[in-house]
Amino acid sequence: MRSTRRWINWTAPILLLGSLLLGCRPKAPEQAAASEQVLLPGVEEIQPPRPAPDFEAPGLDGAPFRLSAHRGSVILLNFWATWCAPCRTEIPDLVALQRELGDRGLLVVGVSTDEEGAEVVAPFAENFKINYPVVLDDGSVSEAYGGVWALPTTIVIDRAGRIRYEIIGIFPTKEMRPRLEALLDESAS
């Protein structure tokens, strides 16, 4: 009994730390493609880059958001939920990236996976001062991207509409910023 409690006392903090660093749910190993090269913990460079699936989903204001309408921008497609602690941790950094690099062509798009929809997402977005579009996913956006197995997950799409990076877990802003700036310097062709 005593050894079981000791194990539980050590396990909970380790699991919490793991979920903060890697996301709320583990990614299924069979989802990792053999052609992906690991650059940083949780960051995969997609080689060769592949076309990003287009989608249309309702925004918080009810207006439809279509990904293809933003071709020519570098897009951070960030899958998240209001109940996800790592998601809450990374949002201020995403807000700062949008503020700092938005005029150069960066567009952060939050894809909320909350089942309750705008009822819970809108007040959350207001409270966190989210300055980028937030769309509501009924599961079809996640499915178009092969299923999202961990939250947060961020897909980086270049100006030509190709997936360049997939980040599982908290977006590593400091490490990814030079890569984002390089993508912003590329042309859309």
C-alpha atoms as a PDB file:
ATOM      1  CA  MET A   1       0.000   0.000   0.000  1.00  0.00           C
ATOM      2  CA  ARG A   2       2.727   2.451   0.974  1.00  0.00           C
ATOM      3  CA  SER A   3       4.744   1.807  -2.219  1.00  0.00           C
ATOM      4  CA  THR A   4       1.596   2.322  -4.315  1.00  0.00           C
ATOM      5  CA  ARG A   5       1.004   5.756  -2.740  1.00  0.00           C
ATOM      6  CA  ARG A   6       4.618   6.717  -3.317  1.00  0.00           C
ATOM      7  CA  TRP A   7       4.285   5.697  -6.975  1.00  0.00           C
ATOM      8  CA  ILE A   8       1.066   7.724  -7.310  1.00  0.00           C
ATOM      9  CA  ASN A   9       2.680  10.748  -5.617  1.00  0.00           C
ATOM     10  CA  TRP A  10       5.497  10.741  -8.200  1.00  0.00           C
ATOM     11  CA  THR A  11       3.377   9.780 -11.190  1.00  0.00           C
ATOM     12  CA  ALA A  12       0.872  12.657 -11.081  1.00  0.00           C
ATOM     13  CA  PRO A  13       3.472  15.468 -11.393  1.00  0.00           C
ATOM     14  CA  ILE A  14       5.304  13.592 -14.148  1.00  0.00           C
ATOM     15  CA  LEU A  15       2.085  13.084 -16.130  1.00  0.00           C
ATOM     16  CA  LEU A  16       1.129  16.738 -15.646  1.00  0.00           C
ATOM     17  CA  LEU A  17       4.534  17.922 -16.842  1.00  0.00           C
ATOM     18  CA  GLY A  18       4.328  15.588 -19.831  1.00  0.00           C
ATOM     19  CA  SER A  19       0.900  16.897 -20.798  1.00  0.00           C
ATOM     20  CA  LEU A  20       2.114  20.507 -20.534  1.00  0.00           C
ATOM     21  CA  LEU A  21       5.127  19.842 -22.740  1.00  0.00           C
ATOM     22  CA  LEU A  22       3.647  17.408 -25.221  1.00  0.00           C
ATOM     23  CA  GLY A  23      -0.051  18.154 -25.275  1.00  0.00           C
ATOM     24  CA  CYS A  24      -3.288  16.878 -23.802  1.00  0.00           C
ATOM     25  CA  ARG A  25      -3.456  13.535 -25.647  1.00  0.00           C
ATOM     26  CA  PRO A  26      -0.678  11.396 -27.064  1.00  0.00           C
ATOM     27  CA  LYS A  27      -0.327  11.198 -30.845  1.00  0.00           C
ATOM     28  CA  ALA A  28      -0.731   7.723 -32.271  1.00  0.00           C
ATOM     29  CA  PRO A  29       2.699   6.472 -33.443  1.00  0.00           C
ATOM     30  CA  GLU A  30       1.283   5.185 -36.716  1.00  0.00           C
ATOM     31  CA  GLN A  31       0.404   8.787 -37.635  1.00  0.00           C
ATOM     32  CA  ALA A  32       4.051   9.802 -37.984  1.00  0.00           C
ATOM     33  CA  ALA A  33       5.107   9.507 -41.622  1.00  0.00           C
ATOM     34  CA  ALA A  34       8.476   7.954 -42.374  1.00  0.00           C
ATOM     35  CA  SER A  35       9.422  10.983 -44.502  1.00  0.00           C
ATOM     36  CA  GLU A  36       9.162  13.429 -41.583  1.00  0.00           C
ATOM     37  CA  GLN A  37      12.363  14.638 -39.989  1.00  0.00           C
ATOM     38  CA  VAL A  38      12.307  15.544 -36.302  1.00  0.00           C
ATOM     39  CA  LEU A  39      13.927  18.957 -35.715  1.00  0.00           C
ATOM     40  CA  LEU A  40      12.971  19.800 -32.136  1.00  0.00           C
ATOM     41  CA  PRO A  41      10.947  17.894 -29.560  1.00  0.00           C
ATOM     42  CA  GLY A  42       7.427  17.891 -30.966  1.00  0.00           C
ATOM     43  CA  VAL A  43       8.393  19.660 -34.248  1.00  0.00           C
ATOM     44  CA  GLU A  44       8.382  17.777 -37.526  1.00  0.00           C
ATOM     45  CA  GLU A  45       9.501  19.246 -40.828  1.00  0.00           C
ATOM     46  CA  ILE A  46       7.310  17.826 -43.576  1.00  0.00           C
ATOM     47  CA  GLN A  47       9.444  16.628 -46.502  1.00  0.00           C
ATOM     48  CA  PRO A  48       8.419  16.979 -49.169  1.00  0.00           C
ATOM     49  CA  PRO A  49       5.898  19.685 -48.285  1.00  0.00           C
ATOM     50  CA  ARG A  50       2.354  18.581 -49.135  1.00  0.00           C
ATOM     51  CA  PRO A  51      -0.740  20.612 -50.012  1.00  0.00           C
ATOM     52  CA  ALA A  52      -2.779  21.781 -47.041  1.00  0.00           C
ATOM     53  CA  PRO A  53      -6.379  20.553 -47.272  1.00  0.00           C
ATOM     54  CA  ASP A  54      -8.814  23.396 -47.841  1.00  0.00           C
ATOM     55  CA  PHE A  55     -11.738  23.759 -45.463  1.00  0.00           C
ATOM     56  CA  GLU A  56     -14.571  26.055 -44.579  1.00  0.00           C
ATOM     57  CA  ALA A  57     -15.692  26.430 -40.968  1.00  0.00           C
ATOM     58  CA  PRO A  58     -17.741  28.997 -39.061  1.00  0.00           C
ATOM     59  CA  GLY A  59     -15.871  31.744 -37.264  1.00  0.00           C
ATOM     60  CA  LEU A  60     -16.858  33.060 -33.867  1.00  0.00           C
ATOM     61  CA  ASP A  61     -18.880  35.789 -35.586  1.00  0.00           C
ATOM     62  CA  GLY A  62     -20.792  33.140 -37.557  1.00  0.00           C
ATOM     63  CA  ALA A  63     -19.192  34.119 -40.878  1.00  0.00           C
ATOM     64  CA  PRO A  64     -17.539  31.277 -42.793  1.00  0.00           C
ATOM     65  CA  PHE A  65     -13.747  31.080 -42.803  1.00  0.00           C
ATOM     66  CA  ARG A  66     -12.199  29.430 -45.868  1.00  0.00           C
ATOM     67  CA  LEU A  67      -8.512  28.535 -45.691  1.00  0.00           C
ATOM     68  CA  SER A  68      -7.921  28.978 -49.447  1.00  0.00           C
ATOM     69  CA  ALA A  69      -9.063  32.619 -49.210  1.00  0.00           C
ATOM     70  CA  HIS A  70      -5.843  33.300 -47.286  1.00  0.00           C
ATOM     71  CA  ARG A  71      -3.395  31.772 -49.727  1.00  0.00           C
ATOM     72  CA  GLY A  72      -0.321  33.975 -49.905  1.00  0.00           C
ATOM     73  CA  SER A  73      -0.121  34.178 -46.109  1.00  0.00           C
ATOM     74  CA  VAL A  74       1.995  31.993 -43.858  1.00  0.00           C
ATOM     75  CA  ILE A  75      -0.614  30.306 -41.681  1.00  0.00           C
ATOM     76  CA  LEU A  76      -0.278  28.806 -38.220  1.00  0.00           C
ATOM     77  CA  LEU A  77      -3.292  26.494 -38.004  1.00  0.00           C
ATOM     78  CA  ASN A  78      -3.535  25.926 -34.252  1.00  0.00           C
ATOM     79  CA  PHE A  79      -5.859  23.158 -32.976  1.00  0.00           C
ATOM     80  CA  TRP A  80      -6.805  23.844 -29.354  1.00  0.00           C
ATOM     81  CA  ALA A  81      -9.558  23.740 -26.722  1.00  0.00           C
ATOM     82  CA  THR A  82     -10.537  25.986 -23.820  1.00  0.00           C
ATOM     83  CA  TRP A  83     -10.109  23.122 -21.319  1.00  0.00           C
ATOM     84  CA  CYS A  84      -6.551  22.287 -22.482  1.00  0.00           C
ATOM     85  CA  ALA A  85      -3.914  23.665 -20.074  1.00  0.00           C
ATOM     86  CA  PRO A  86      -1.030  23.645 -22.609  1.00  0.00           C
ATOM     87  CA  CYS A  87      -3.309  25.474 -25.071  1.00  0.00           C
ATOM     88  CA  ARG A  88      -3.912  28.201 -22.508  1.00  0.00           C
ATOM     89  CA  THR A  89      -0.161  28.450 -21.949  1.00  0.00           C
ATOM     90  CA  GLU A  90       0.693  29.026 -25.626  1.00  0.00           C
ATOM     91  CA  ILE A  91      -2.097  31.479 -26.544  1.00  0.00           C
ATOM     92  CA  PRO A  92      -0.281  34.631 -25.321  1.00  0.00           C
ATOM     93  CA  ASP A  93       2.705  33.705 -27.530  1.00  0.00           C
ATOM     94  CA  LEU A  94       0.419  33.178 -30.536  1.00  0.00           C
ATOM     95  CA  VAL A  95      -1.252  36.547 -29.867  1.00  0.00           C
ATOM     96  CA  ALA A  96       2.220  38.163 -29.774  1.00  0.00           C
ATOM     97  CA  LEU A  97       3.295  36.435 -33.016  1.00  0.00           C
ATOM     98  CA  GLN A  98       0.148  37.668 -34.774  1.00  0.00           C
ATOM     99  CA  ARG A  99       0.750  41.209 -33.498  1.00  0.00           C
ATOM    100  CA  GLU A 100       4.463  41.212 -34.426  1.00  0.00           C
ATOM    101  CA  LEU A 101       4.434  39.342 -37.757  1.00  0.00           C
ATOM    102  CA  GLY A 102       0.885  39.850 -39.032  1.00  0.00           C
ATOM    103  CA  ASP A 103       1.847  42.824 -41.188  1.00  0.00           C
ATOM    104  CA  ARG A 104       4.498  40.645 -42.899  1.00  0.00           C
ATOM    105  CA  GLY A 105       1.884  38.045 -43.879  1.00  0.00           C
ATOM    106  CA  LEU A 106       1.584  35.725 -40.868  1.00  0.00           C
ATOM    107  CA  LEU A 107      -1.933  34.607 -40.008  1.00  0.00           C
ATOM    108  CA  VAL A 108      -2.593  32.584 -36.879  1.00  0.00           C
ATOM    109  CA  VAL A 109      -5.889  30.681 -37.114  1.00  0.00           C
ATOM    110  CA  GLY A 110      -7.245  29.076 -33.969  1.00  0.00           C
ATOM    111  CA  VAL A 111      -9.253  25.911 -34.628  1.00  0.00           C
ATOM    112  CA  SER A 112     -11.343  25.290 -31.528  1.00  0.00           C
ATOM    113  CA  THR A 113     -12.218  21.663 -30.891  1.00  0.00           C
ATOM    114  CA  ASP A 114     -14.609  22.533 -28.036  1.00  0.00           C
ATOM    115  CA  GLU A 115     -17.872  20.606 -28.436  1.00  0.00           C
ATOM    116  CA  GLU A 116     -19.841  23.436 -26.782  1.00  0.00           C
ATOM    117  CA  GLY A 117     -18.913  25.801 -29.633  1.00  0.00           C
ATOM    118  CA  ALA A 118     -19.129  29.587 -29.550  1.00  0.00           C
ATOM    119  CA  GLU A 119     -20.923  29.546 -26.198  1.00  0.00           C
ATOM    120  CA  VAL A 120     -17.658  28.727 -24.397  1.00  0.00           C
ATOM    121  CA  VAL A 121     -15.110  29.801 -27.018  1.00  0.00           C
ATOM    122  CA  ALA A 122     -16.238  33.426 -27.512  1.00  0.00           C
ATOM    123  CA  PRO A 123     -15.873  34.494 -23.857  1.00  0.00           C
ATOM    124  CA  PHE A 124     -12.582  32.598 -23.656  1.00  0.00           C
ATOM    125  CA  ALA A 125     -11.244  34.377 -26.769  1.00  0.00           C
ATOM    126  CA  GLU A 126     -12.293  37.732 -25.359  1.00  0.00           C
ATOM    127  CA  ASN A 127     -10.711  36.990 -21.980  1.00  0.00           C
ATOM    128  CA  PHE A 128      -7.405  35.935 -23.620  1.00  0.00           C
ATOM    129  CA  LYS A 129      -7.556  38.921 -26.039  1.00  0.00           C
ATOM    130  CA  ILE A 130      -7.151  36.629 -29.049  1.00  0.00           C
ATOM    131  CA  ASN A 131      -6.345  38.868 -32.044  1.00  0.00           C
ATOM    132  CA  TYR A 132      -6.571  36.258 -34.786  1.00  0.00           C
ATOM    133  CA  PRO A 133      -9.464  34.379 -36.386  1.00  0.00           C
ATOM    134  CA  VAL A 134     -10.939  31.505 -34.385  1.00  0.00           C
ATOM    135  CA  VAL A 135     -13.002  28.878 -36.176  1.00  0.00           C
ATOM    136  CA  LEU A 136     -15.222  26.208 -34.689  1.00  0.00           C
ATOM    137  CA  ASP A 137     -14.374  22.640 -35.696  1.00  0.00           C
ATOM    138  CA  ASP A 138     -17.167  20.087 -35.797  1.00  0.00           C
ATOM    139  CA  GLY A 139     -14.495  17.442 -36.385  1.00  0.00           C
ATOM    140  CA  SER A 140     -14.269  17.906 -40.153  1.00  0.00           C
ATOM    141  CA  VAL A 141     -11.232  20.230 -40.048  1.00  0.00           C
ATOM    142  CA  SER A 142      -9.317  17.884 -37.749  1.00  0.00           C
ATOM    143  CA  GLU A 143     -10.288  14.955 -39.955  1.00  0.00           C
ATOM    144  CA  ALA A 144      -9.082  16.765 -43.099  1.00  0.00           C
ATOM    145  CA  TYR A 145      -5.653  16.990 -41.471  1.00  0.00           C
ATOM    146  CA  GLY A 146      -5.497  13.282 -40.683  1.00  0.00           C
ATOM    147  CA  GLY A 147      -6.954  13.517 -37.210  1.00  0.00           C
ATOM    148  CA  VAL A 148      -5.547  15.596 -34.387  1.00  0.00           C
ATOM    149  CA  TRP A 149      -4.219  13.271 -31.705  1.00  0.00           C
ATOM    150  CA  ALA A 150      -2.866  15.828 -29.248  1.00  0.00           C
ATOM    151  CA  LEU A 151      -3.803  19.327 -28.186  1.00  0.00           C
ATOM    152  CA  PRO A 152      -2.380  21.724 -28.939  1.00  0.00           C
ATOM    153  CA  THR A 153      -1.250  20.819 -32.441  1.00  0.00           C
ATOM    154  CA  THR A 154      -0.094  23.477 -34.878  1.00  0.00           C
ATOM    155  CA  ILE A 155       0.264  23.056 -38.629  1.00  0.00           C
ATOM    156  CA  VAL A 156       2.491  25.627 -40.383  1.00  0.00           C
ATOM    157  CA  ILE A 157       1.395  26.338 -43.959  1.00  0.00           C
ATOM    158  CA  ASP A 158       3.584  28.331 -46.353  1.00  0.00           C
ATOM    159  CA  ARG A 159       2.484  31.070 -48.764  1.00  0.00           C
ATOM    160  CA  ALA A 160       1.976  28.481 -51.532  1.00  0.00           C
ATOM    161  CA  GLY A 161      -0.502  26.520 -49.392  1.00  0.00           C
ATOM    162  CA  ARG A 162       1.840  23.655 -48.482  1.00  0.00           C
ATOM    163  CA  ILE A 163       2.279  22.089 -45.045  1.00  0.00           C
ATOM    164  CA  ARG A 164       5.843  22.715 -43.900  1.00  0.00           C
ATOM    165  CA  TYR A 165       5.810  21.875 -40.179  1.00  0.00           C
ATOM    166  CA  GLU A 166       3.664  20.048 -37.670  1.00  0.00           C
ATOM    167  CA  ILE A 167       4.118  20.881 -34.008  1.00  0.00           C
ATOM    168  CA  ILE A 168       2.687  18.566 -31.365  1.00  0.00           C
ATOM    169  CA  GLY A 169       2.364  20.268 -27.987  1.00  0.00           C
ATOM    170  CA  ILE A 170       3.094  23.844 -27.001  1.00  0.00           C
ATOM    171  CA  PHE A 171       4.274  25.953 -29.942  1.00  0.00           C
ATOM    172  CA  PRO A 172       8.016  26.611 -29.394  1.00  0.00           C
ATOM    173  CA  THR A 173       7.923  30.289 -30.377  1.00  0.00           C
ATOM    174  CA  LYS A 174      11.597  31.079 -29.774  1.00  0.00           C
ATOM    175  CA  GLU A 175      12.825  28.086 -31.804  1.00  0.00           C
ATOM    176  CA  MET A 176      10.241  28.435 -34.588  1.00  0.00           C
ATOM    177  CA  ARG A 177      10.422  32.206 -35.080  1.00  0.00           C
ATOM    178  CA  PRO A 178      13.466  32.063 -37.434  1.00  0.00           C
ATOM    179  CA  ARG A 179      11.710  29.367 -39.487  1.00  0.00           C
ATOM    180  CA  LEU A 180       8.544  31.495 -39.662  1.00  0.00           C
ATOM    181  CA  GLU A 181      10.545  34.539 -40.745  1.00  0.00           C
ATOM    182  CA  ALA A 182      12.226  32.455 -43.473  1.00  0.00           C
ATOM    183  CA  LEU A 183       8.786  31.323 -44.700  1.00  0.00           C
ATOM    184  CA  LEU A 184       7.580  34.939 -44.664  1.00  0.00           C
ATOM    185  CA  ASP A 185      10.546  35.851 -46.896  1.00  0.00           C
ATOM    186  CA  GLU A 186       9.601  33.159 -49.469  1.00  0.00           C
ATOM    187  CA  SER A 187       7.372  33.929 -52.434  1.00  0.00           C
ATOM    188  CA  ALA A 188       3.980  32.279 -52.887  1.00  0.00           C
ATOM    189  CA  SER A 189       5.040  30.260 -55.939  1.00  0.00           C
END
